[in-house]
mmCIF file of all heavy atoms, coordinates in Angstrom:
data_MODEL
# 
_entry.id   MODEL 
# 
loop_
_atom_site.group_PDB 
_atom_site.id 
_atom_site.type_symbol 
_atom_site.label_atom_id 
_atom_site.label_alt_id 
_atom_site.label_comp_id 
_atom_site.label_asym_id 
_atom_site.label_entity_id 
_atom_site.label_seq_id 
_atom_site.pdbx_PDB_ins_code 
_atom_site.Cartn_x 
_atom_site.Cartn_y 
_atom_site.Cartn_z 
_atom_site.occupancy 
_atom_site.B_iso_or_equiv 
_atom_site.pdbx_formal_charge 
_atom_site.auth_seq_id 
_atom_site.auth_comp_id 
_atom_site.auth_asym_id 
_atom_site.auth_atom_id 
_atom_site.pdbx_PDB_model_num 
ATOM 1   N N   . ILE A 1 1  ? 0.539   3.123  3.083   1.00 0.00 ? 1  ILE A N   1 
ATOM 2   C CA  . ILE A 1 1  ? -0.786  2.524  2.939   1.00 0.00 ? 1  ILE A CA  1 
ATOM 3   C C   . ILE A 1 1  ? -1.770  3.599  2.514   1.00 0.00 ? 1  ILE A C   1 
ATOM 4   O O   . ILE A 1 1  ? -1.658  4.750  2.924   1.00 0.00 ? 1  ILE A O   1 
ATOM 5   C CB  . ILE A 1 1  ? -1.247  1.860  4.264   1.00 0.00 ? 1  ILE A CB  1 
ATOM 6   C CG1 . ILE A 1 1  ? -2.616  1.175  4.065   1.00 0.00 ? 1  ILE A CG1 1 
ATOM 7   C CG2 . ILE A 1 1  ? -1.292  2.857  5.401   1.00 0.00 ? 1  ILE A CG2 1 
ATOM 8   C CD1 . ILE A 1 1  ? -3.067  0.352  5.249   1.00 0.00 ? 1  ILE A CD1 1 
ATOM 9   N N   . ARG A 1 2  ? -2.710  3.216  1.666   1.00 0.00 ? 2  ARG A N   1 
ATOM 10  C CA  . ARG A 1 2  ? -3.763  4.135  1.246   1.00 0.00 ? 2  ARG A CA  1 
ATOM 11  C C   . ARG A 1 2  ? -5.056  3.350  1.077   1.00 0.00 ? 2  ARG A C   1 
ATOM 12  O O   . ARG A 1 2  ? -5.036  2.111  1.029   1.00 0.00 ? 2  ARG A O   1 
ATOM 13  C CB  . ARG A 1 2  ? -3.392  4.844  -0.043  1.00 0.00 ? 2  ARG A CB  1 
ATOM 14  C CG  . ARG A 1 2  ? -3.412  3.977  -1.285  1.00 0.00 ? 2  ARG A CG  1 
ATOM 15  C CD  . ARG A 1 2  ? -2.993  4.767  -2.524  1.00 0.00 ? 2  ARG A CD  1 
ATOM 16  N NE  . ARG A 1 2  ? -3.263  4.050  -3.762  1.00 0.00 ? 2  ARG A NE  1 
ATOM 17  C CZ  . ARG A 1 2  ? -2.468  3.169  -4.310  1.00 0.00 ? 2  ARG A CZ  1 
ATOM 18  N NH1 . ARG A 1 2  ? -1.306  2.867  -3.719  1.00 0.00 ? 2  ARG A NH1 1 
ATOM 19  N NH2 . ARG A 1 2  ? -2.795  2.557  -5.445  1.00 0.00 ? 2  ARG A NH2 1 
ATOM 20  N N   . CYS A 1 3  ? -6.157  4.070  0.950   1.00 0.00 ? 3  CYS A N   1 
ATOM 21  C CA  . CYS A 1 3  ? -7.462  3.421  0.784   1.00 0.00 ? 3  CYS A CA  1 
ATOM 22  C C   . CYS A 1 3  ? -8.157  4.008  -0.435  1.00 0.00 ? 3  CYS A C   1 
ATOM 23  O O   . CYS A 1 3  ? -8.161  5.231  -0.633  1.00 0.00 ? 3  CYS A O   1 
ATOM 24  C CB  . CYS A 1 3  ? -8.307  3.626  2.032   1.00 0.00 ? 3  CYS A CB  1 
ATOM 25  S SG  . CYS A 1 3  ? -9.939  2.835  1.932   1.00 0.00 ? 3  CYS A SG  1 
ATOM 26  N N   . GLU A 1 4  ? -8.729  3.131  -1.250  1.00 0.00 ? 4  GLU A N   1 
ATOM 27  C CA  . GLU A 1 4  ? -9.532  3.524  -2.406  1.00 0.00 ? 4  GLU A CA  1 
ATOM 28  C C   . GLU A 1 4  ? -10.897 2.854  -2.296  1.00 0.00 ? 4  GLU A C   1 
ATOM 29  O O   . GLU A 1 4  ? -10.987 1.710  -1.853  1.00 0.00 ? 4  GLU A O   1 
ATOM 30  C CB  . GLU A 1 4  ? -8.849  3.127  -3.719  1.00 0.00 ? 4  GLU A CB  1 
ATOM 31  C CG  . GLU A 1 4  ? -7.505  3.804  -3.946  1.00 0.00 ? 4  GLU A CG  1 
ATOM 32  C CD  . GLU A 1 4  ? -6.824  3.316  -5.221  1.00 0.00 ? 4  GLU A CD  1 
ATOM 33  O OE1 . GLU A 1 4  ? -7.380  2.394  -5.859  1.00 0.00 ? 4  GLU A OE1 1 
ATOM 34  O OE2 . GLU A 1 4  ? -5.749  3.843  -5.566  1.00 0.00 ? 4  GLU A OE2 1 
ATOM 35  N N   . SER A 1 5  ? -11.941 3.565  -2.709  1.00 0.00 ? 5  SER A N   1 
ATOM 36  C CA  . SER A 1 5  ? -13.280 2.984  -2.584  1.00 0.00 ? 5  SER A CA  1 
ATOM 37  C C   . SER A 1 5  ? -14.178 3.505  -3.698  1.00 0.00 ? 5  SER A C   1 
ATOM 38  O O   . SER A 1 5  ? -14.195 4.706  -3.996  1.00 0.00 ? 5  SER A O   1 
ATOM 39  C CB  . SER A 1 5  ? -13.886 3.344  -1.218  1.00 0.00 ? 5  SER A CB  1 
ATOM 40  O OG  . SER A 1 5  ? -15.115 2.683  -1.026  1.00 0.00 ? 5  SER A OG  1 
ATOM 41  N N   . ASP A 1 6  ? -14.892 2.578  -4.337  1.00 0.00 ? 6  ASP A N   1 
ATOM 42  C CA  . ASP A 1 6  ? -15.910 2.956  -5.325  1.00 0.00 ? 6  ASP A CA  1 
ATOM 43  C C   . ASP A 1 6  ? -17.137 2.081  -5.104  1.00 0.00 ? 6  ASP A C   1 
ATOM 44  O O   . ASP A 1 6  ? -17.249 1.396  -4.074  1.00 0.00 ? 6  ASP A O   1 
ATOM 45  C CB  . ASP A 1 6  ? -15.368 2.832  -6.753  1.00 0.00 ? 6  ASP A CB  1 
ATOM 46  C CG  . ASP A 1 6  ? -14.813 1.440  -7.061  1.00 0.00 ? 6  ASP A CG  1 
ATOM 47  O OD1 . ASP A 1 6  ? -15.337 0.459  -6.482  1.00 0.00 ? 6  ASP A OD1 1 
ATOM 48  O OD2 . ASP A 1 6  ? -13.872 1.323  -7.876  1.00 0.00 ? 6  ASP A OD2 1 
ATOM 49  N N   . ASP A 1 7  ? -18.038 2.089  -6.055  1.00 0.00 ? 7  ASP A N   1 
ATOM 50  C CA  . ASP A 1 7  ? -19.290 1.341  -5.882  1.00 0.00 ? 7  ASP A CA  1 
ATOM 51  C C   . ASP A 1 7  ? -19.087 -0.166 -5.920  1.00 0.00 ? 7  ASP A C   1 
ATOM 52  O O   . ASP A 1 7  ? -19.966 -0.928 -5.500  1.00 0.00 ? 7  ASP A O   1 
ATOM 53  C CB  . ASP A 1 7  ? -20.295 1.750  -6.970  1.00 0.00 ? 7  ASP A CB  1 
ATOM 54  C CG  . ASP A 1 7  ? -20.746 3.192  -6.816  1.00 0.00 ? 7  ASP A CG  1 
ATOM 55  O OD1 . ASP A 1 7  ? -20.732 3.681  -5.670  1.00 0.00 ? 7  ASP A OD1 1 
ATOM 56  O OD2 . ASP A 1 7  ? -21.086 3.824  -7.832  1.00 0.00 ? 7  ASP A OD2 1 
ATOM 57  N N   . ASN A 1 8  ? -17.939 -0.614 -6.425  1.00 0.00 ? 8  ASN A N   1 
ATOM 58  C CA  . ASN A 1 8  ? -17.696 -2.050 -6.553  1.00 0.00 ? 8  ASN A CA  1 
ATOM 59  C C   . ASN A 1 8  ? -16.793 -2.602 -5.451  1.00 0.00 ? 8  ASN A C   1 
ATOM 60  O O   . ASN A 1 8  ? -17.107 -3.637 -4.857  1.00 0.00 ? 8  ASN A O   1 
ATOM 61  C CB  . ASN A 1 8  ? -17.074 -2.350 -7.926  1.00 0.00 ? 8  ASN A CB  1 
ATOM 62  C CG  . ASN A 1 8  ? -17.997 -1.981 -9.068  1.00 0.00 ? 8  ASN A CG  1 
ATOM 63  O OD1 . ASN A 1 8  ? -19.198 -2.246 -9.025  1.00 0.00 ? 8  ASN A OD1 1 
ATOM 64  N ND2 . ASN A 1 8  ? -17.442 -1.352 -10.099 1.00 0.00 ? 8  ASN A ND2 1 
ATOM 65  N N   . TRP A 1 9  ? -15.674 -1.903 -5.179  1.00 0.00 ? 9  TRP A N   1 
ATOM 66  C CA  . TRP A 1 9  ? -14.703 -2.429 -4.233  1.00 0.00 ? 9  TRP A CA  1 
ATOM 67  C C   . TRP A 1 9  ? -14.165 -1.325 -3.320  1.00 0.00 ? 9  TRP A C   1 
ATOM 68  O O   . TRP A 1 9  ? -14.017 -0.178 -3.738  1.00 0.00 ? 9  TRP A O   1 
ATOM 69  C CB  . TRP A 1 9  ? -13.518 -3.082 -4.964  1.00 0.00 ? 9  TRP A CB  1 
ATOM 70  C CG  . TRP A 1 9  ? -13.895 -4.329 -5.708  1.00 0.00 ? 9  TRP A CG  1 
ATOM 71  C CD1 . TRP A 1 9  ? -14.243 -4.430 -7.019  1.00 0.00 ? 9  TRP A CD1 1 
ATOM 72  C CD2 . TRP A 1 9  ? -13.977 -5.652 -5.161  1.00 0.00 ? 9  TRP A CD2 1 
ATOM 73  N NE1 . TRP A 1 9  ? -14.543 -5.727 -7.335  1.00 0.00 ? 9  TRP A NE1 1 
ATOM 74  C CE2 . TRP A 1 9  ? -14.381 -6.508 -6.217  1.00 0.00 ? 9  TRP A CE2 1 
ATOM 75  C CE3 . TRP A 1 9  ? -13.751 -6.201 -3.900  1.00 0.00 ? 9  TRP A CE3 1 
ATOM 76  C CZ2 . TRP A 1 9  ? -14.564 -7.872 -6.044  1.00 0.00 ? 9  TRP A CZ2 1 
ATOM 77  C CZ3 . TRP A 1 9  ? -13.921 -7.561 -3.727  1.00 0.00 ? 9  TRP A CZ3 1 
ATOM 78  C CH2 . TRP A 1 9  ? -14.329 -8.384 -4.794  1.00 0.00 ? 9  TRP A CH2 1 
ATOM 79  N N   . THR A 1 10 ? -13.880 -1.722 -2.093  1.00 0.00 ? 10 THR A N   1 
ATOM 80  C CA  . THR A 1 10 ? -13.117 -0.892 -1.167  1.00 0.00 ? 10 THR A CA  1 
ATOM 81  C C   . THR A 1 10 ? -11.788 -1.588 -0.946  1.00 0.00 ? 10 THR A C   1 
ATOM 82  O O   . THR A 1 10 ? -11.756 -2.748 -0.515  1.00 0.00 ? 10 THR A O   1 
ATOM 83  C CB  . THR A 1 10 ? -13.846 -0.708 0.175   1.00 0.00 ? 10 THR A CB  1 
ATOM 84  O OG1 . THR A 1 10 ? -15.044 0.060  -0.038  1.00 0.00 ? 10 THR A OG1 1 
ATOM 85  C CG2 . THR A 1 10 ? -12.955 0.019  1.175   1.00 0.00 ? 10 THR A CG2 1 
ATOM 86  N N   . SER A 1 11 ? -10.700 -0.900 -1.276  1.00 0.00 ? 11 SER A N   1 
ATOM 87  C CA  . SER A 1 11 ? -9.376  -1.539 -1.257  1.00 0.00 ? 11 SER A CA  1 
ATOM 88  C C   . SER A 1 11 ? -8.429  -0.783 -0.339  1.00 0.00 ? 11 SER A C   1 
ATOM 89  O O   . SER A 1 11 ? -8.281  0.442  -0.446  1.00 0.00 ? 11 SER A O   1 
ATOM 90  C CB  . SER A 1 11 ? -8.784  -1.564 -2.678  1.00 0.00 ? 11 SER A CB  1 
ATOM 91  O OG  . SER A 1 11 ? -9.659  -2.212 -3.573  1.00 0.00 ? 11 SER A OG  1 
ATOM 92  N N   . PHE A 1 12 ? -7.798  -1.528 0.554   1.00 0.00 ? 12 PHE A N   1 
ATOM 93  C CA  . PHE A 1 12 ? -6.680  -1.011 1.338   1.00 0.00 ? 12 PHE A CA  1 
ATOM 94  C C   . PHE A 1 12 ? -5.410  -1.535 0.675   1.00 0.00 ? 12 PHE A C   1 
ATOM 95  O O   . PHE A 1 12 ? -5.202  -2.754 0.594   1.00 0.00 ? 12 PHE A O   1 
ATOM 96  C CB  . PHE A 1 12 ? -6.771  -1.467 2.788   1.00 0.00 ? 12 PHE A CB  1 
ATOM 97  C CG  . PHE A 1 12 ? -7.828  -0.741 3.570   1.00 0.00 ? 12 PHE A CG  1 
ATOM 98  C CD1 . PHE A 1 12 ? -9.130  -1.225 3.603   1.00 0.00 ? 12 PHE A CD1 1 
ATOM 99  C CD2 . PHE A 1 12 ? -7.527  0.424  4.249   1.00 0.00 ? 12 PHE A CD2 1 
ATOM 100 C CE1 . PHE A 1 12 ? -10.109 -0.559 4.311   1.00 0.00 ? 12 PHE A CE1 1 
ATOM 101 C CE2 . PHE A 1 12 ? -8.503  1.097  4.966   1.00 0.00 ? 12 PHE A CE2 1 
ATOM 102 C CZ  . PHE A 1 12 ? -9.802  0.613  4.998   1.00 0.00 ? 12 PHE A CZ  1 
ATOM 103 N N   . ILE A 1 13 ? -4.587  -0.609 0.187   1.00 0.00 ? 13 ILE A N   1 
ATOM 104 C CA  . ILE A 1 13 ? -3.425  -0.963 -0.627  1.00 0.00 ? 13 ILE A CA  1 
ATOM 105 C C   . ILE A 1 13 ? -2.154  -0.614 0.137   1.00 0.00 ? 13 ILE A C   1 
ATOM 106 O O   . ILE A 1 13 ? -1.944  0.539  0.528   1.00 0.00 ? 13 ILE A O   1 
ATOM 107 C CB  . ILE A 1 13 ? -3.457  -0.215 -1.975  1.00 0.00 ? 13 ILE A CB  1 
ATOM 108 C CG1 . ILE A 1 13 ? -4.791  -0.509 -2.679  1.00 0.00 ? 13 ILE A CG1 1 
ATOM 109 C CG2 . ILE A 1 13 ? -2.271  -0.608 -2.839  1.00 0.00 ? 13 ILE A CG2 1 
ATOM 110 C CD1 . ILE A 1 13 ? -5.078  0.412  -3.833  1.00 0.00 ? 13 ILE A CD1 1 
ATOM 111 N N   . ILE A 1 14 ? -1.322  -1.619 0.348   1.00 0.00 ? 14 ILE A N   1 
ATOM 112 C CA  . ILE A 1 14 ? -0.083  -1.447 1.111   1.00 0.00 ? 14 ILE A CA  1 
ATOM 113 C C   . ILE A 1 14 ? 1.104   -1.677 0.189   1.00 0.00 ? 14 ILE A C   1 
ATOM 114 O O   . ILE A 1 14 ? 1.149   -2.676 -0.541  1.00 0.00 ? 14 ILE A O   1 
ATOM 115 C CB  . ILE A 1 14 ? -0.026  -2.440 2.289   1.00 0.00 ? 14 ILE A CB  1 
ATOM 116 C CG1 . ILE A 1 14 ? -1.238  -2.253 3.208   1.00 0.00 ? 14 ILE A CG1 1 
ATOM 117 C CG2 . ILE A 1 14 ? 1.278   -2.289 3.065   1.00 0.00 ? 14 ILE A CG2 1 
ATOM 118 C CD1 . ILE A 1 14 ? -1.394  -3.353 4.237   1.00 0.00 ? 14 ILE A CD1 1 
ATOM 119 N N   . ARG A 1 15 ? 2.055   -0.766 0.220   1.00 0.00 ? 15 ARG A N   1 
ATOM 120 C CA  . ARG A 1 15 ? 3.324   -0.947 -0.489  1.00 0.00 ? 15 ARG A CA  1 
ATOM 121 C C   . ARG A 1 15 ? 4.422   -1.153 0.552   1.00 0.00 ? 15 ARG A C   1 
ATOM 122 O O   . ARG A 1 15 ? 4.631   -0.305 1.410   1.00 0.00 ? 15 ARG A O   1 
ATOM 123 C CB  . ARG A 1 15 ? 3.656   0.288  -1.337  1.00 0.00 ? 15 ARG A CB  1 
ATOM 124 C CG  . ARG A 1 15 ? 2.886   0.394  -2.646  1.00 0.00 ? 15 ARG A CG  1 
ATOM 125 C CD  . ARG A 1 15 ? 3.415   -0.582 -3.676  1.00 0.00 ? 15 ARG A CD  1 
ATOM 126 N NE  . ARG A 1 15 ? 2.818   -0.370 -4.992  1.00 0.00 ? 15 ARG A NE  1 
ATOM 127 C CZ  . ARG A 1 15 ? 3.437   0.200  -6.015  1.00 0.00 ? 15 ARG A CZ  1 
ATOM 128 N NH1 . ARG A 1 15 ? 4.686   0.608  -5.887  1.00 0.00 ? 15 ARG A NH1 1 
ATOM 129 N NH2 . ARG A 1 15 ? 2.846   0.333  -7.175  1.00 0.00 ? 15 ARG A NH2 1 
ATOM 130 N N   . LEU A 1 16 ? 5.111   -2.283 0.454   1.00 0.00 ? 16 LEU A N   1 
ATOM 131 C CA  . LEU A 1 16 ? 6.190   -2.592 1.389   1.00 0.00 ? 16 LEU A CA  1 
ATOM 132 C C   . LEU A 1 16 ? 7.471   -2.901 0.618   1.00 0.00 ? 16 LEU A C   1 
ATOM 133 O O   . LEU A 1 16 ? 7.417   -3.478 -0.471  1.00 0.00 ? 16 LEU A O   1 
ATOM 134 C CB  . LEU A 1 16 ? 5.829   -3.809 2.249   1.00 0.00 ? 16 LEU A CB  1 
ATOM 135 C CG  . LEU A 1 16 ? 4.704   -3.675 3.265   1.00 0.00 ? 16 LEU A CG  1 
ATOM 136 C CD1 . LEU A 1 16 ? 4.509   -5.002 3.991   1.00 0.00 ? 16 LEU A CD1 1 
ATOM 137 C CD2 . LEU A 1 16 ? 4.975   -2.568 4.255   1.00 0.00 ? 16 LEU A CD2 1 
ATOM 138 N N   . PRO A 1 17 ? 8.607   -2.533 1.178   1.00 0.00 ? 17 PRO A N   1 
ATOM 139 C CA  . PRO A 1 17 ? 9.876   -2.971 0.567   1.00 0.00 ? 17 PRO A CA  1 
ATOM 140 C C   . PRO A 1 17 ? 10.102  -4.447 0.852   1.00 0.00 ? 17 PRO A C   1 
ATOM 141 O O   . PRO A 1 17 ? 9.671   -4.965 1.899   1.00 0.00 ? 17 PRO A O   1 
ATOM 142 C CB  . PRO A 1 17 ? 10.914  -2.094 1.268   1.00 0.00 ? 17 PRO A CB  1 
ATOM 143 C CG  . PRO A 1 17 ? 10.299  -1.752 2.582   1.00 0.00 ? 17 PRO A CG  1 
ATOM 144 C CD  . PRO A 1 17 ? 8.833   -1.670 2.351   1.00 0.00 ? 17 PRO A CD  1 
ATOM 145 N N   . LEU A 1 18 ? 10.768  -5.130 -0.041  1.00 0.00 ? 18 LEU A N   1 
ATOM 146 C CA  . LEU A 1 18 ? 11.080  -6.529 0.184   1.00 0.00 ? 18 LEU A CA  1 
ATOM 147 C C   . LEU A 1 18 ? 11.987  -6.684 1.408   1.00 0.00 ? 18 LEU A C   1 
ATOM 148 O O   . LEU A 1 18 ? 11.898  -7.670 2.140   1.00 0.00 ? 18 LEU A O   1 
ATOM 149 C CB  . LEU A 1 18 ? 11.760  -7.138 -1.046  1.00 0.00 ? 18 LEU A CB  1 
ATOM 150 C CG  . LEU A 1 18 ? 10.875  -7.284 -2.296  1.00 0.00 ? 18 LEU A CG  1 
ATOM 151 C CD1 . LEU A 1 18 ? 11.686  -7.845 -3.448  1.00 0.00 ? 18 LEU A CD1 1 
ATOM 152 C CD2 . LEU A 1 18 ? 9.687   -8.184 -1.994  1.00 0.00 ? 18 LEU A CD2 1 
ATOM 153 N N   . ASP A 1 19 ? 12.818  -5.675 1.642   1.00 0.00 ? 19 ASP A N   1 
ATOM 154 C CA  . ASP A 1 19 ? 13.684  -5.667 2.812   1.00 0.00 ? 19 ASP A CA  1 
ATOM 155 C C   . ASP A 1 19 ? 13.696  -4.258 3.397   1.00 0.00 ? 19 ASP A C   1 
ATOM 156 O O   . ASP A 1 19 ? 14.327  -3.368 2.818   1.00 0.00 ? 19 ASP A O   1 
ATOM 157 C CB  . ASP A 1 19 ? 15.099  -6.102 2.449   1.00 0.00 ? 19 ASP A CB  1 
ATOM 158 C CG  . ASP A 1 19 ? 15.972  -6.315 3.678   1.00 0.00 ? 19 ASP A CG  1 
ATOM 159 O OD1 . ASP A 1 19 ? 15.561  -5.926 4.786   1.00 0.00 ? 19 ASP A OD1 1 
ATOM 160 O OD2 . ASP A 1 19 ? 17.074  -6.883 3.532   1.00 0.00 ? 19 ASP A OD2 1 
ATOM 161 N N   . PRO A 1 20 ? 13.011  -4.036 4.537   1.00 0.00 ? 20 PRO A N   1 
ATOM 162 C CA  . PRO A 1 20 ? 12.943  -2.681 5.117   1.00 0.00 ? 20 PRO A CA  1 
ATOM 163 C C   . PRO A 1 20 ? 14.305  -2.098 5.481   1.00 0.00 ? 20 PRO A C   1 
ATOM 164 O O   . PRO A 1 20 ? 14.463  -0.892 5.568   1.00 0.00 ? 20 PRO A O   1 
ATOM 165 C CB  . PRO A 1 20 ? 12.085  -2.890 6.383   1.00 0.00 ? 20 PRO A CB  1 
ATOM 166 C CG  . PRO A 1 20 ? 11.305  -4.122 6.107   1.00 0.00 ? 20 PRO A CG  1 
ATOM 167 C CD  . PRO A 1 20 ? 12.190  -4.988 5.269   1.00 0.00 ? 20 PRO A CD  1 
ATOM 168 N N   . LYS A 1 21 ? 15.299  -2.965 5.693   1.00 0.00 ? 21 LYS A N   1 
ATOM 169 C CA  . LYS A 1 21 ? 16.631  -2.474 6.061   1.00 0.00 ? 21 LYS A CA  1 
ATOM 170 C C   . LYS A 1 21 ? 17.332  -1.781 4.879   1.00 0.00 ? 21 LYS A C   1 
ATOM 171 O O   . LYS A 1 21 ? 18.219  -0.971 5.077   1.00 0.00 ? 21 LYS A O   1 
ATOM 172 C CB  . LYS A 1 21 ? 17.504  -3.628 6.558   1.00 0.00 ? 21 LYS A CB  1 
ATOM 173 C CG  . LYS A 1 21 ? 17.044  -4.216 7.877   1.00 0.00 ? 21 LYS A CG  1 
ATOM 174 C CD  . LYS A 1 21 ? 17.975  -5.348 8.314   1.00 0.00 ? 21 LYS A CD  1 
ATOM 175 C CE  . LYS A 1 21 ? 17.545  -5.938 9.655   1.00 0.00 ? 21 LYS A CE  1 
ATOM 176 N NZ  . LYS A 1 21 ? 18.436  -7.042 10.049  1.00 0.00 ? 21 LYS A NZ  1 
ATOM 177 N N   . LYS A 1 22 ? 16.891  -2.119 3.647   1.00 0.00 ? 22 LYS A N   1 
ATOM 178 C CA  . LYS A 1 22 ? 17.586  -1.604 2.471   1.00 0.00 ? 22 LYS A CA  1 
ATOM 179 C C   . LYS A 1 22 ? 16.782  -0.515 1.752   1.00 0.00 ? 22 LYS A C   1 
ATOM 180 O O   . LYS A 1 22 ? 17.351  0.280  1.022   1.00 0.00 ? 22 LYS A O   1 
ATOM 181 C CB  . LYS A 1 22 ? 17.843  -2.745 1.482   1.00 0.00 ? 22 LYS A CB  1 
ATOM 182 C CG  . LYS A 1 22 ? 18.770  -3.831 2.045   1.00 0.00 ? 22 LYS A CG  1 
ATOM 183 C CD  . LYS A 1 22 ? 18.979  -4.916 1.001   1.00 0.00 ? 22 LYS A CD  1 
ATOM 184 C CE  . LYS A 1 22 ? 19.891  -6.015 1.541   1.00 0.00 ? 22 LYS A CE  1 
ATOM 185 N NZ  . LYS A 1 22 ? 20.075  -7.109 0.546   1.00 0.00 ? 22 LYS A NZ  1 
ATOM 186 N N   . THR A 1 23 ? 15.475  -0.505 1.927   1.00 0.00 ? 23 THR A N   1 
ATOM 187 C CA  . THR A 1 23 ? 14.622  0.408  1.155   1.00 0.00 ? 23 THR A CA  1 
ATOM 188 C C   . THR A 1 23 ? 13.622  1.103  2.066   1.00 0.00 ? 23 THR A C   1 
ATOM 189 O O   . THR A 1 23 ? 13.091  0.501  2.987   1.00 0.00 ? 23 THR A O   1 
ATOM 190 C CB  . THR A 1 23 ? 13.854  -0.368 0.066   1.00 0.00 ? 23 THR A CB  1 
ATOM 191 O OG1 . THR A 1 23 ? 14.759  -1.188 -0.654  1.00 0.00 ? 23 THR A OG1 1 
ATOM 192 C CG2 . THR A 1 23 ? 13.173  0.616  -0.884  1.00 0.00 ? 23 THR A CG2 1 
ATOM 193 N N   . ARG A 1 24 ? 13.370  2.370  1.790   1.00 0.00 ? 24 ARG A N   1 
ATOM 194 C CA  . ARG A 1 24 ? 12.324  3.137  2.478   1.00 0.00 ? 24 ARG A CA  1 
ATOM 195 C C   . ARG A 1 24 ? 11.435  3.759  1.418   1.00 0.00 ? 24 ARG A C   1 
ATOM 196 O O   . ARG A 1 24 ? 11.884  4.541  0.583   1.00 0.00 ? 24 ARG A O   1 
ATOM 197 C CB  . ARG A 1 24 ? 12.926  4.241  3.346   1.00 0.00 ? 24 ARG A CB  1 
ATOM 198 C CG  . ARG A 1 24 ? 11.869  5.085  4.076   1.00 0.00 ? 24 ARG A CG  1 
ATOM 199 C CD  . ARG A 1 24 ? 12.526  6.204  4.845   1.00 0.00 ? 24 ARG A CD  1 
ATOM 200 N NE  . ARG A 1 24 ? 13.271  5.712  5.962   1.00 0.00 ? 24 ARG A NE  1 
ATOM 201 C CZ  . ARG A 1 24 ? 12.786  5.510  7.184   1.00 0.00 ? 24 ARG A CZ  1 
ATOM 202 N NH1 . ARG A 1 24 ? 11.501  5.746  7.415   1.00 0.00 ? 24 ARG A NH1 1 
ATOM 203 N NH2 . ARG A 1 24 ? 13.531  5.078  8.155   1.00 0.00 ? 24 ARG A NH2 1 
ATOM 204 N N   . LEU A 1 25 ? 10.137  3.417  1.446   1.00 0.00 ? 25 LEU A N   1 
ATOM 205 C CA  . LEU A 1 25 ? 9.180   3.945  0.469   1.00 0.00 ? 25 LEU A CA  1 
ATOM 206 C C   . LEU A 1 25 ? 8.608   5.241  0.981   1.00 0.00 ? 25 LEU A C   1 
ATOM 207 O O   . LEU A 1 25 ? 8.436   5.448  2.187   1.00 0.00 ? 25 LEU A O   1 
ATOM 208 C CB  . LEU A 1 25 ? 8.055   2.945  0.214   1.00 0.00 ? 25 LEU A CB  1 
ATOM 209 C CG  . LEU A 1 25 ? 8.483   1.539  -0.222  1.00 0.00 ? 25 LEU A CG  1 
ATOM 210 C CD1 . LEU A 1 25 ? 7.252   0.711  -0.541  1.00 0.00 ? 25 LEU A CD1 1 
ATOM 211 C CD2 . LEU A 1 25 ? 9.391   1.598  -1.426  1.00 0.00 ? 25 LEU A CD2 1 
ATOM 212 N N   . THR A 1 26 ? 8.276   6.136  0.044   1.00 0.00 ? 26 THR A N   1 
ATOM 213 C CA  . THR A 1 26 ? 7.664   7.422  0.403   1.00 0.00 ? 26 THR A CA  1 
ATOM 214 C C   . THR A 1 26 ? 6.459   7.680  -0.471  1.00 0.00 ? 26 THR A C   1 
ATOM 215 O O   . THR A 1 26 ? 6.323   7.107  -1.527  1.00 0.00 ? 26 THR A O   1 
ATOM 216 C CB  . THR A 1 26 ? 8.680   8.570  0.227   1.00 0.00 ? 26 THR A CB  1 
ATOM 217 O OG1 . THR A 1 26 ? 9.140   8.569  -1.130  1.00 0.00 ? 26 THR A OG1 1 
ATOM 218 C CG2 . THR A 1 26 ? 9.833   8.411  1.164   1.00 0.00 ? 26 THR A CG2 1 
# 
């Protein structure tokens, strides 16, 4: 998860695997 923010939008962006048992994101 990360956060981005500018004058227009503040966004919390999450990247998840479709199946946590098979994939680990870094």
